[in-house]
């Protein structure tokens, strides 16, 4: 079992009631709550937004995460990291900490090439994003990878992913026809040399089984978004 359970909140503003402005406000409030509670990573996963809309939301989320992190109890200048789903360009423009890749996305190596290029020499992308990209630290971005089999995890590790999210372990709520991987395959996937986070139907009652299978942590939408995040964090980390 991991010594300290890594936690990854994946956003979905469609889960909040009301008009778009209300959902956006609630999402940003939840992001701030997650950062204050010490969640390690947040993935901004609002896939329906245009690039411009996503960049605007991401920039605001970055600001909120960094401000909230400074107020977190026991803060040691290790703020929550914000990753953008699939869009390396948006992550750079918003000065996020990295990118979360779909299983059919570009490779982690390609993300790092784009990132380093945008933070260094002038390129067409730099000219498009010159105002913000050059302000980024040259350090490597965090690159998470969605994986659905041990083979995909091994490939992600070989290609330089920072960590992998293995799913769906228990269930996939919005696609119940998809068969869950189960704990046995999760255990097999966790034999790689990068951290594996379990996703898909993970609850407070079954999270411990995922950690016992070798997962370094838990990734979730509903578990964080529909509950008091500080209480979730305390529960998940009390035995690790």
Protein backbone atom coordinates (compact mmCIF):
# COMPACT_ATOMS: atom_id res chain seq x y z
CA UNK A 1 0.00 0.00 0.00
CA UNK A 2 1.18 3.53 -0.74
CA UNK A 3 2.68 5.38 2.22
CA UNK A 4 0.58 8.46 1.48
CA UNK A 5 -2.55 8.19 -0.60
CA UNK A 6 -2.45 10.48 -3.65
CA UNK A 7 -5.75 12.17 -4.41
CA UNK A 8 -6.98 13.41 -7.79
CA UNK A 9 -10.19 15.42 -8.17
CA UNK A 10 -11.55 15.34 -11.73
CA UNK A 11 -13.99 18.16 -12.42
CA UNK A 12 -17.41 18.03 -14.06
CA UNK A 13 -19.39 21.25 -13.79
CA UNK A 14 -22.39 19.57 -15.48
CA UNK A 15 -22.94 17.83 -12.14
CA UNK A 16 -23.97 21.12 -10.57
CA UNK A 17 -27.52 22.47 -10.97
CA UNK A 18 -28.47 25.82 -12.48
CA UNK A 19 -27.36 28.00 -15.34
CA UNK A 20 -23.84 28.03 -16.76
CA UNK A 21 -22.72 30.96 -14.63
CA UNK A 22 -23.90 29.18 -11.49
CA UNK A 23 -22.22 25.89 -12.46
CA UNK A 24 -18.98 27.69 -13.20
CA UNK A 25 -19.05 29.46 -9.84
CA UNK A 26 -19.76 26.21 -7.98
CA UNK A 27 -16.97 24.46 -9.84
CA UNK A 28 -14.43 27.12 -8.90
CA UNK A 29 -15.61 26.97 -5.29
CA UNK A 30 -15.10 23.20 -5.32
CA UNK A 31 -11.65 23.60 -6.82
CA UNK A 32 -10.72 26.01 -4.02
CA UNK A 33 -12.13 23.56 -1.46
CA UNK A 34 -10.01 20.75 -2.91
CA UNK A 35 -6.85 22.86 -2.80
CA UNK A 36 -7.46 23.92 0.79
CA UNK A 37 -8.07 20.28 1.77
CA UNK A 38 -4.73 19.18 0.34
CA UNK A 39 -5.85 17.22 -2.72
CA UNK A 40 -2.69 16.51 -4.72
CA UNK A 41 -4.02 16.97 -8.25
CA UNK A 42 -7.04 18.51 -9.94
CA UNK A 43 -7.91 17.77 -13.55
CA UNK A 44 -9.96 20.42 -15.32
CA UNK A 45 -12.02 18.12 -17.54
CA UNK A 46 -14.65 20.42 -19.07
CA UNK A 47 -14.52 18.81 -22.51
CA UNK A 48 -17.51 20.66 -23.95
CA UNK A 49 -15.88 24.10 -23.71
CA UNK A 50 -14.17 25.84 -26.60
CA UNK A 51 -10.44 26.46 -26.32
CA UNK A 52 -11.05 30.11 -25.45
CA UNK A 53 -13.66 29.24 -22.80
CA UNK A 54 -11.47 26.52 -21.34
CA UNK A 55 -8.46 28.83 -21.20
CA UNK A 56 -10.49 31.46 -19.35
CA UNK A 57 -11.75 28.92 -16.84
CA UNK A 58 -8.31 27.35 -16.48
CA UNK A 59 -6.63 30.70 -15.79
CA UNK A 60 -9.12 31.44 -13.05
CA UNK A 61 -8.72 27.94 -11.63
CA UNK A 62 -4.91 28.30 -11.56
CA UNK A 63 -5.20 31.54 -9.62
CA UNK A 64 -7.69 30.05 -7.16
CA UNK A 65 -5.64 26.89 -6.60
CA UNK A 66 -2.48 28.83 -5.85
CA UNK A 67 -4.21 31.26 -3.52
CA UNK A 68 -6.08 28.48 -1.72
CA UNK A 69 -2.92 26.41 -1.39
CA UNK A 70 -1.20 29.17 0.55
CA UNK A 71 -4.01 29.04 3.11
CA UNK A 72 -4.05 25.26 3.46
CA UNK A 73 -3.23 23.92 6.96
CA UNK A 74 0.37 22.75 7.21
CA UNK A 75 1.21 24.17 3.79
CA UNK A 76 4.87 23.61 2.88
CA UNK A 77 4.78 25.45 -0.43
CA UNK A 78 3.59 22.24 -2.06
CA UNK A 79 0.43 23.45 -3.70
CA UNK A 80 -2.21 21.36 -5.40
CA UNK A 81 -1.29 20.82 -9.05
CA UNK A 82 -3.80 21.70 -11.77
CA UNK A 83 -3.80 19.63 -14.97
CA UNK A 84 -5.81 20.35 -18.11
CA UNK A 85 -7.56 17.52 -19.90
CA UNK A 86 -5.89 16.82 -23.26
CA UNK A 87 -5.11 20.46 -24.20
CA UNK A 88 -1.39 21.17 -23.89
CA UNK A 89 -1.89 24.58 -25.52
CA UNK A 90 -4.47 25.61 -22.93
CA UNK A 91 -2.31 24.30 -20.09
CA UNK A 92 0.57 26.45 -21.29
CA UNK A 93 -1.55 29.53 -21.84
CA UNK A 94 -3.15 29.27 -18.39
CA UNK A 95 0.18 28.41 -16.71
CA UNK A 96 -1.22 25.15 -15.36
CA UNK A 97 1.06 22.45 -13.97
CA UNK A 98 0.53 19.89 -16.69
CA UNK A 99 -1.77 17.85 -18.87
CA UNK A 100 -3.97 14.78 -18.51
CA UNK A 101 -3.90 12.63 -21.65
CA UNK A 102 -6.67 10.42 -22.97
CA UNK A 103 -5.73 6.87 -23.91
CA UNK A 104 -5.87 7.85 -27.61
CA UNK A 105 -4.02 11.15 -27.14
CA UNK A 106 -0.52 12.25 -28.09
CA UNK A 107 2.31 10.71 -26.07
CA UNK A 108 3.77 12.16 -22.87
CA UNK A 109 7.02 12.64 -24.78
CA UNK A 110 5.23 14.83 -27.32
CA UNK A 111 3.68 16.90 -24.53
CA UNK A 112 7.12 17.54 -23.08
CA UNK A 113 8.52 18.46 -26.49
CA UNK A 114 5.72 21.00 -27.06
CA UNK A 115 6.05 22.31 -23.51
CA UNK A 116 9.81 22.81 -23.69
CA UNK A 117 9.56 24.39 -27.13
CA UNK A 118 6.85 26.82 -26.02
CA UNK A 119 8.84 27.84 -22.97
CA UNK A 120 11.99 28.38 -24.97
CA UNK A 121 12.57 29.28 -28.58
CA UNK A 122 10.06 31.22 -30.66
CA UNK A 123 7.63 28.97 -32.50
CA UNK A 124 4.25 29.65 -34.08
CA UNK A 125 2.72 28.40 -30.85
CA UNK A 126 4.86 30.82 -28.84
CA UNK A 127 3.72 33.71 -30.95
CA UNK A 128 0.13 32.74 -30.33
CA UNK A 129 0.65 32.41 -26.57
CA UNK A 130 3.69 34.64 -26.09
CA UNK A 131 2.30 36.59 -23.16
CA UNK A 132 1.96 33.63 -20.83
CA UNK A 133 4.00 30.72 -22.14
CA UNK A 134 7.34 32.44 -21.63
CA UNK A 135 6.51 33.10 -17.98
CA UNK A 136 6.37 29.38 -17.22
CA UNK A 137 9.13 27.61 -15.37
CA UNK A 138 11.21 25.42 -17.71
CA UNK A 139 10.70 22.43 -15.45
CA UNK A 140 8.95 19.43 -16.95
CA UNK A 141 5.15 19.42 -16.83
CA UNK A 142 3.18 16.82 -14.96
CA UNK A 143 1.73 14.38 -17.49
CA UNK A 144 -1.02 12.00 -16.40
CA UNK A 145 -2.26 9.25 -18.69
CA UNK A 146 -5.63 7.51 -18.83
CA UNK A 147 -5.15 3.75 -19.08
CA UNK A 148 -7.55 0.83 -19.32
CA UNK A 149 -5.21 -2.16 -19.31
CA UNK A 150 -1.84 -3.13 -17.84
CA UNK A 151 -0.37 -2.90 -21.36
CA UNK A 152 -1.48 0.73 -21.67
CA UNK A 153 0.03 1.48 -18.26
CA UNK A 154 3.35 -0.06 -19.34
CA UNK A 155 3.30 2.03 -22.51
CA UNK A 156 2.53 5.22 -20.57
CA UNK A 157 5.40 4.50 -18.21
CA UNK A 158 7.79 3.83 -21.07
CA UNK A 159 6.77 7.10 -22.72
CA UNK A 160 7.48 9.17 -19.62
CA UNK A 161 4.09 9.70 -17.98
CA UNK A 162 4.29 11.09 -14.45
CA UNK A 163 1.47 8.83 -13.29
CA UNK A 164 -1.39 6.82 -14.76
CA UNK A 165 -5.09 6.75 -13.98
CA UNK A 166 -6.44 3.20 -14.33
CA UNK A 167 -10.15 2.86 -15.08
CA UNK A 168 -12.85 1.83 -14.69
CA UNK A 169 -11.93 -0.27 -11.68
CA UNK A 170 -15.37 -0.72 -10.09
CA UNK A 171 -17.82 0.84 -12.56
CA UNK A 172 -18.29 3.59 -15.13
CA UNK A 173 -21.45 5.45 -14.23
CA UNK A 174 -22.03 7.17 -17.58
CA UNK A 175 -21.30 3.98 -19.55
CA UNK A 176 -22.60 1.00 -17.53
CA UNK A 177 -22.14 -1.29 -20.55
CA UNK A 178 -18.37 -1.01 -20.15
CA UNK A 179 -17.04 -3.89 -18.10
CA UNK A 180 -14.95 -2.79 -15.11
CA UNK A 181 -11.34 -3.93 -14.91
CA UNK A 182 -11.65 -5.18 -11.35
CA UNK A 183 -9.03 -5.32 -8.61
CA UNK A 184 -6.99 -8.14 -10.15
CA UNK A 185 -6.11 -6.13 -13.25
CA UNK A 186 -5.54 -3.05 -11.10
CA UNK A 187 -3.03 -5.05 -9.06
CA UNK A 188 -1.30 -6.17 -12.26
CA UNK A 189 -1.17 -2.60 -13.59
CA UNK A 190 0.37 -1.39 -10.34
CA UNK A 191 3.50 -3.45 -10.96
CA UNK A 192 4.89 -0.72 -13.20
CA UNK A 193 7.36 1.91 -12.03
CA UNK A 194 4.99 4.88 -12.02
CA UNK A 195 2.19 5.66 -9.54
CA UNK A 196 -1.23 4.28 -10.48
CA UNK A 197 -4.43 5.97 -9.34
CA UNK A 198 -7.68 3.99 -9.29
CA UNK A 199 -10.72 5.56 -10.99
CA UNK A 200 -14.28 4.44 -11.63
CA UNK A 201 -16.89 3.80 -8.97
CA UNK A 202 -14.43 4.35 -6.12
CA UNK A 203 -16.14 5.16 -2.81
CA UNK A 204 -15.05 5.56 0.78
CA UNK A 205 -16.06 1.95 1.40
CA UNK A 206 -14.05 0.37 -1.43
CA UNK A 207 -11.10 2.78 -1.72
CA UNK A 208 -9.07 0.76 0.79
CA UNK A 209 -9.32 -2.33 -1.42
CA UNK A 210 -7.89 -0.32 -4.34
CA UNK A 211 -4.98 0.81 -2.18
CA UNK A 212 -4.42 -2.74 -0.96
CA UNK A 213 -4.21 -3.80 -4.62
CA UNK A 214 -1.24 -1.47 -5.01
CA UNK A 215 -2.79 1.80 -6.17
CA UNK A 216 -0.84 4.87 -5.11
CA UNK A 217 -4.04 6.81 -4.76
CA UNK A 218 -7.61 7.52 -5.78
CA UNK A 219 -9.01 9.57 -8.66
CA UNK A 220 -12.69 10.51 -8.72
CA UNK A 221 -15.34 12.96 -9.80
CA UNK A 222 -18.37 12.24 -7.60
CA UNK A 223 -16.41 11.23 -4.49
CA UNK A 224 -14.97 14.72 -4.24
CA UNK A 225 -17.56 16.82 -5.99
CA UNK A 226 -20.60 15.52 -4.11
CA UNK A 227 -19.06 15.46 -0.63
CA UNK A 228 -17.15 17.58 1.85
CA UNK A 229 -13.66 17.25 0.41
CA UNK A 230 -11.82 17.80 3.69
CA UNK A 231 -13.74 14.87 5.22
CA UNK A 232 -13.03 12.69 2.18
CA UNK A 233 -9.31 13.50 2.36
CA UNK A 234 -9.16 12.77 6.07
CA UNK A 235 -10.94 9.43 5.62
CA UNK A 236 -8.79 8.28 2.69
CA UNK A 237 -5.51 9.19 4.34
CA UNK A 238 -6.20 8.07 7.89
CA UNK A 239 -4.92 4.53 7.28
CA UNK A 240 -2.01 5.37 4.96
